[in-house]
Amino acid sequence: MGSHRFPELSRAELELMKILWAGGRLSAREVHEQIPAELGWAITTTRTVLDRLVAKGVLRRESIHKINVFIPVMTRPQGLARLVREFATRVAEVEPAAVVALFARQSRLSPAELEELAKLVREASEEGSEGHA
């Protein structure tokens, strides 16, 4: 796993990643059925965004009995770490660790996910401070 650099995700891509993080291995149809109705997406839009995520290396596509299923390559903590760093530095103007502490208090993440998130944020902070030295 390590410090693999994943690309930034659009809101639409993040929406699909949240569904896949919860569901694991899903077909485009299964993902589409879980998209909030207010988005008003056609199945073709869902497939386009899934293909974009595969091209970015965030998802892997496998064919099972002639049905494409999509599997997250980027873990939930890896996706959250990028968002935490961005939110902490650009919006809240606080240290990313403070935002990780908020996640810990909300307990929406498992202890393992919290540990991975904290580690990824710490690594990114160290890399950022080395680049500015």
C-alpha atoms as a PDB file:
ATOM      1  CA  MET A   1       0.000   0.000   0.000  1.00  0.00           C
ATOM      2  CA  GLY A   2       2.608   2.559   1.100  1.00  0.00           C
ATOM      3  CA  SER A   3       2.573   6.137  -0.055  1.00  0.00           C
ATOM      4  CA  HIS A   4       1.075   5.504  -3.517  1.00  0.00           C
ATOM      5  CA  ARG A   5      -0.003   8.836  -4.991  1.00  0.00           C
ATOM      6  CA  PHE A   6      -3.591   8.783  -6.184  1.00  0.00           C
ATOM      7  CA  PRO A   7      -5.055  11.540  -8.346  1.00  0.00           C
ATOM      8  CA  GLU A   8      -7.555  14.096  -7.117  1.00  0.00           C
ATOM      9  CA  LEU A   9     -11.187  13.003  -7.430  1.00  0.00           C
ATOM     10  CA  SER A  10     -14.115  15.062  -8.691  1.00  0.00           C
ATOM     11  CA  ARG A  11     -17.342  15.130  -6.671  1.00  0.00           C
ATOM     12  CA  ALA A  12     -18.930  12.652  -9.077  1.00  0.00           C
ATOM     13  CA  GLU A  13     -15.957  10.295  -8.777  1.00  0.00           C
ATOM     14  CA  LEU A  14     -16.002  10.565  -4.980  1.00  0.00           C
ATOM     15  CA  GLU A  15     -19.729   9.723  -4.959  1.00  0.00           C
ATOM     16  CA  LEU A  16     -19.015   6.462  -6.792  1.00  0.00           C
ATOM     17  CA  MET A  17     -15.983   5.678  -4.636  1.00  0.00           C
ATOM     18  CA  LYS A  18     -18.108   5.960  -1.479  1.00  0.00           C
ATOM     19  CA  ILE A  19     -20.519   3.396  -2.940  1.00  0.00           C
ATOM     20  CA  LEU A  20     -17.659   1.076  -3.921  1.00  0.00           C
ATOM     21  CA  TRP A  21     -15.874   1.424  -0.563  1.00  0.00           C
ATOM     22  CA  ALA A  22     -19.095   0.296   1.126  1.00  0.00           C
ATOM     23  CA  GLY A  23     -19.895  -2.444  -1.387  1.00  0.00           C
ATOM     24  CA  GLY A  24     -16.494  -3.720  -2.460  1.00  0.00           C
ATOM     25  CA  ARG A  25     -16.862  -5.501  -5.790  1.00  0.00           C
ATOM     26  CA  LEU A  26     -19.834  -4.133  -7.767  1.00  0.00           C
ATOM     27  CA  SER A  27     -21.068  -4.030 -11.355  1.00  0.00           C
ATOM     28  CA  ALA A  28     -21.885  -0.720 -13.033  1.00  0.00           C
ATOM     29  CA  ARG A  29     -25.601  -1.514 -12.623  1.00  0.00           C
ATOM     30  CA  GLU A  30     -25.174  -2.204  -8.879  1.00  0.00           C
ATOM     31  CA  VAL A  31     -23.278   1.061  -8.438  1.00  0.00           C
ATOM     32  CA  HIS A  32     -25.882   2.944 -10.473  1.00  0.00           C
ATOM     33  CA  GLU A  33     -28.752   1.615  -8.345  1.00  0.00           C
ATOM     34  CA  GLN A  34     -27.125   3.136  -5.239  1.00  0.00           C
ATOM     35  CA  ILE A  35     -26.559   6.627  -6.676  1.00  0.00           C
ATOM     36  CA  PRO A  36     -28.810   9.226  -5.031  1.00  0.00           C
ATOM     37  CA  ALA A  37     -31.850   9.838  -7.247  1.00  0.00           C
ATOM     38  CA  GLU A  38     -31.433  13.619  -7.031  1.00  0.00           C
ATOM     39  CA  LEU A  39     -28.319  13.322  -9.188  1.00  0.00           C
ATOM     40  CA  GLY A  40     -30.514  12.136 -12.047  1.00  0.00           C
ATOM     41  CA  TRP A  41     -27.742  10.145 -13.733  1.00  0.00           C
ATOM     42  CA  ALA A  42     -28.263   7.781 -16.637  1.00  0.00           C
ATOM     43  CA  ILE A  43     -26.469   4.414 -16.485  1.00  0.00           C
ATOM     44  CA  THR A  44     -24.190   5.693 -19.274  1.00  0.00           C
ATOM     45  CA  THR A  45     -22.996   8.516 -16.990  1.00  0.00           C
ATOM     46  CA  THR A  46     -22.226   6.002 -14.249  1.00  0.00           C
ATOM     47  CA  ARG A  47     -20.266   3.836 -16.692  1.00  0.00           C
ATOM     48  CA  THR A  48     -18.335   6.875 -17.979  1.00  0.00           C
ATOM     49  CA  VAL A  49     -17.302   7.912 -14.465  1.00  0.00           C
ATOM     50  CA  LEU A  50     -16.351   4.318 -13.578  1.00  0.00           C
ATOM     51  CA  ASP A  51     -14.193   4.119 -16.726  1.00  0.00           C
ATOM     52  CA  ARG A  52     -12.529   7.407 -15.746  1.00  0.00           C
ATOM     53  CA  LEU A  53     -11.742   5.990 -12.290  1.00  0.00           C
ATOM     54  CA  VAL A  54     -10.220   2.880 -13.896  1.00  0.00           C
ATOM     55  CA  ALA A  55      -8.098   5.099 -16.173  1.00  0.00           C
ATOM     56  CA  LYS A  56      -6.903   7.053 -13.111  1.00  0.00           C
ATOM     57  CA  GLY A  57      -5.854   3.819 -11.397  1.00  0.00           C
ATOM     58  CA  VAL A  58      -8.316   4.269  -8.535  1.00  0.00           C
ATOM     59  CA  LEU A  59     -10.470   1.288  -9.551  1.00  0.00           C
ATOM     60  CA  ARG A  60      -9.700  -2.067 -11.136  1.00  0.00           C
ATOM     61  CA  ARG A  61     -12.080  -3.709 -13.615  1.00  0.00           C
ATOM     62  CA  GLU A  62     -12.512  -7.478 -13.711  1.00  0.00           C
ATOM     63  CA  SER A  63     -14.778  -9.553 -15.899  1.00  0.00           C
ATOM     64  CA  ILE A  64     -16.728 -12.194 -13.986  1.00  0.00           C
ATOM     65  CA  HIS A  65     -19.014 -14.365 -16.113  1.00  0.00           C
ATOM     66  CA  LYS A  66     -18.947 -11.665 -18.828  1.00  0.00           C
ATOM     67  CA  ILE A  67     -20.013  -8.939 -16.383  1.00  0.00           C
ATOM     68  CA  ASN A  68     -17.580  -6.150 -15.561  1.00  0.00           C
ATOM     69  CA  VAL A  69     -17.173  -5.545 -11.851  1.00  0.00           C
ATOM     70  CA  PHE A  70     -15.276  -2.669 -10.323  1.00  0.00           C
ATOM     71  CA  ILE A  71     -12.996  -3.030  -7.309  1.00  0.00           C
ATOM     72  CA  PRO A  72     -11.467  -0.122  -5.383  1.00  0.00           C
ATOM     73  CA  VAL A  73      -7.673   0.107  -5.550  1.00  0.00           C
ATOM     74  CA  MET A  74      -7.639   3.299  -3.464  1.00  0.00           C
ATOM     75  CA  THR A  75      -8.715   2.521   0.099  1.00  0.00           C
ATOM     76  CA  ARG A  76     -11.210   4.676   1.934  1.00  0.00           C
ATOM     77  CA  PRO A  77      -8.493   6.079   4.241  1.00  0.00           C
ATOM     78  CA  GLN A  78      -6.313   6.911   1.208  1.00  0.00           C
ATOM     79  CA  GLY A  79      -9.184   8.838  -0.362  1.00  0.00           C
ATOM     80  CA  LEU A  80      -9.993  10.570   2.915  1.00  0.00           C
ATOM     81  CA  ALA A  81      -6.347  11.490   3.572  1.00  0.00           C
ATOM     82  CA  ARG A  82      -6.254  13.629   0.433  1.00  0.00           C
ATOM     83  CA  LEU A  83      -9.527  15.330   1.381  1.00  0.00           C
ATOM     84  CA  VAL A  84      -8.388  15.857   4.983  1.00  0.00           C
ATOM     85  CA  ARG A  85      -5.138  17.506   3.899  1.00  0.00           C
ATOM     86  CA  GLU A  86      -6.936  19.735   1.427  1.00  0.00           C
ATOM     87  CA  PHE A  87      -9.688  20.708   3.880  1.00  0.00           C
ATOM     88  CA  ALA A  88      -7.259  21.313   6.745  1.00  0.00           C
ATOM     89  CA  THR A  89      -4.841  23.489   4.810  1.00  0.00           C
ATOM     90  CA  ARG A  90      -7.138  25.323   2.374  1.00  0.00           C
ATOM     91  CA  VAL A  91     -10.404  25.664   4.278  1.00  0.00           C
ATOM     92  CA  ALA A  92      -9.909  25.328   8.022  1.00  0.00           C
ATOM     93  CA  GLU A  93      -6.276  26.513   8.065  1.00  0.00           C
ATOM     94  CA  VAL A  94      -5.405  23.969  10.758  1.00  0.00           C
ATOM     95  CA  GLU A  95      -3.027  21.049  10.974  1.00  0.00           C
ATOM     96  CA  PRO A  96      -4.380  17.934   9.218  1.00  0.00           C
ATOM     97  CA  ALA A  97      -3.977  15.956  12.468  1.00  0.00           C
ATOM     98  CA  ALA A  98      -6.731  18.105  14.024  1.00  0.00           C
ATOM     99  CA  VAL A  99      -9.143  16.988  11.313  1.00  0.00           C
ATOM    100  CA  VAL A 100      -8.142  13.334  11.827  1.00  0.00           C
ATOM    101  CA  ALA A 101      -9.011  13.810  15.515  1.00  0.00           C
ATOM    102  CA  LEU A 102     -12.503  14.910  14.462  1.00  0.00           C
ATOM    103  CA  PHE A 103     -12.906  11.685  12.495  1.00  0.00           C
ATOM    104  CA  ALA A 104     -11.835   9.736  15.581  1.00  0.00           C
ATOM    105  CA  ARG A 105     -14.510  11.429  17.702  1.00  0.00           C
ATOM    106  CA  GLN A 106     -17.211  10.766  15.094  1.00  0.00           C
ATOM    107  CA  SER A 107     -16.266   7.042  15.030  1.00  0.00           C
ATOM    108  CA  ARG A 108     -17.507   6.524  11.460  1.00  0.00           C
ATOM    109  CA  LEU A 109     -14.213   4.857  10.636  1.00  0.00           C
ATOM    110  CA  SER A 110     -12.935   1.607  12.046  1.00  0.00           C
ATOM    111  CA  PRO A 111      -9.853   1.760  14.290  1.00  0.00           C
ATOM    112  CA  ALA A 112      -7.772   0.299  11.428  1.00  0.00           C
ATOM    113  CA  GLU A 113      -9.093   2.939   8.998  1.00  0.00           C
ATOM    114  CA  LEU A 114      -8.355   5.721  11.505  1.00  0.00           C
ATOM    115  CA  GLU A 115      -4.836   4.408  12.015  1.00  0.00           C
ATOM    116  CA  GLU A 116      -4.221   4.257   8.249  1.00  0.00           C
ATOM    117  CA  LEU A 117      -5.698   7.741   7.759  1.00  0.00           C
ATOM    118  CA  ALA A 118      -3.498   9.231  10.489  1.00  0.00           C
ATOM    119  CA  LYS A 119      -0.420   7.527   9.007  1.00  0.00           C
ATOM    120  CA  LEU A 120      -1.153   8.777   5.478  1.00  0.00           C
ATOM    121  CA  VAL A 121      -1.782  12.337   6.671  1.00  0.00           C
ATOM    122  CA  ARG A 122       1.413  12.250   8.763  1.00  0.00           C
ATOM    123  CA  GLU A 123       3.461  10.971   5.784  1.00  0.00           C
ATOM    124  CA  ALA A 124       2.042  13.646   3.500  1.00  0.00           C
ATOM    125  CA  SER A 125       2.765  16.354   6.072  1.00  0.00           C
ATOM    126  CA  GLU A 126       6.366  15.154   6.369  1.00  0.00           C
ATOM    127  CA  GLU A 127       6.755  15.119   2.583  1.00  0.00           C
ATOM    128  CA  GLY A 128       5.305  18.627   2.373  1.00  0.00           C
ATOM    129  CA  SER A 129       7.636  20.014   5.028  1.00  0.00           C
ATOM    130  CA  GLU A 130      10.678  18.442   3.322  1.00  0.00           C
ATOM    131  CA  GLY A 131       9.687  20.119   0.062  1.00  0.00           C
ATOM    132  CA  HIS A 132       9.582  23.525   1.763  1.00  0.00           C
ATOM    133  CA  ALA A 133      12.851  23.226   3.691  1.00  0.00           C
END
